[in-house]
């Protein structure tokens, strides 16, 4: 497996593994913008995109993992861990946040396994499915 910055040549591969991008132009636009701004990294196996993650600094000027997706056939193989560890390494703030829906139990378990602490809940983003926020202190 290789982790590297995403380039414009990777956009179709990223879209192919993102189930929301398959049907929503807004997500495809976000992917193109994340890649253009240099916020996206990808995981490759045999030169094929199998996961991607996005690191932004729009959450109160702190690092924020705004997207983390691993293609279903490649889950539970260390890809998400490798992507998050890379983002932790390159993050230029002391605090790194992320979030997931309350209904996403696998992501909640993953956050705990990566030593992220619960940091709060926001209601009303997705009807009936609150957003749970997580935090990790990276460096002093």
Foldseek 3Di string as FASTA:
>chain_A
DDKDFDAPVCLVLACVQDPVSVPDVVVSVVSVVQSVVRFKMFDDDPNGTFWMWGWDLPPPSFTETEDTGGRPVCPPVCRSVVRVVVCLVPGPDQKYKYKDWPPPVVVVVVCVVVVWAWDDWDPDPDPPIIITMTMDGRDD
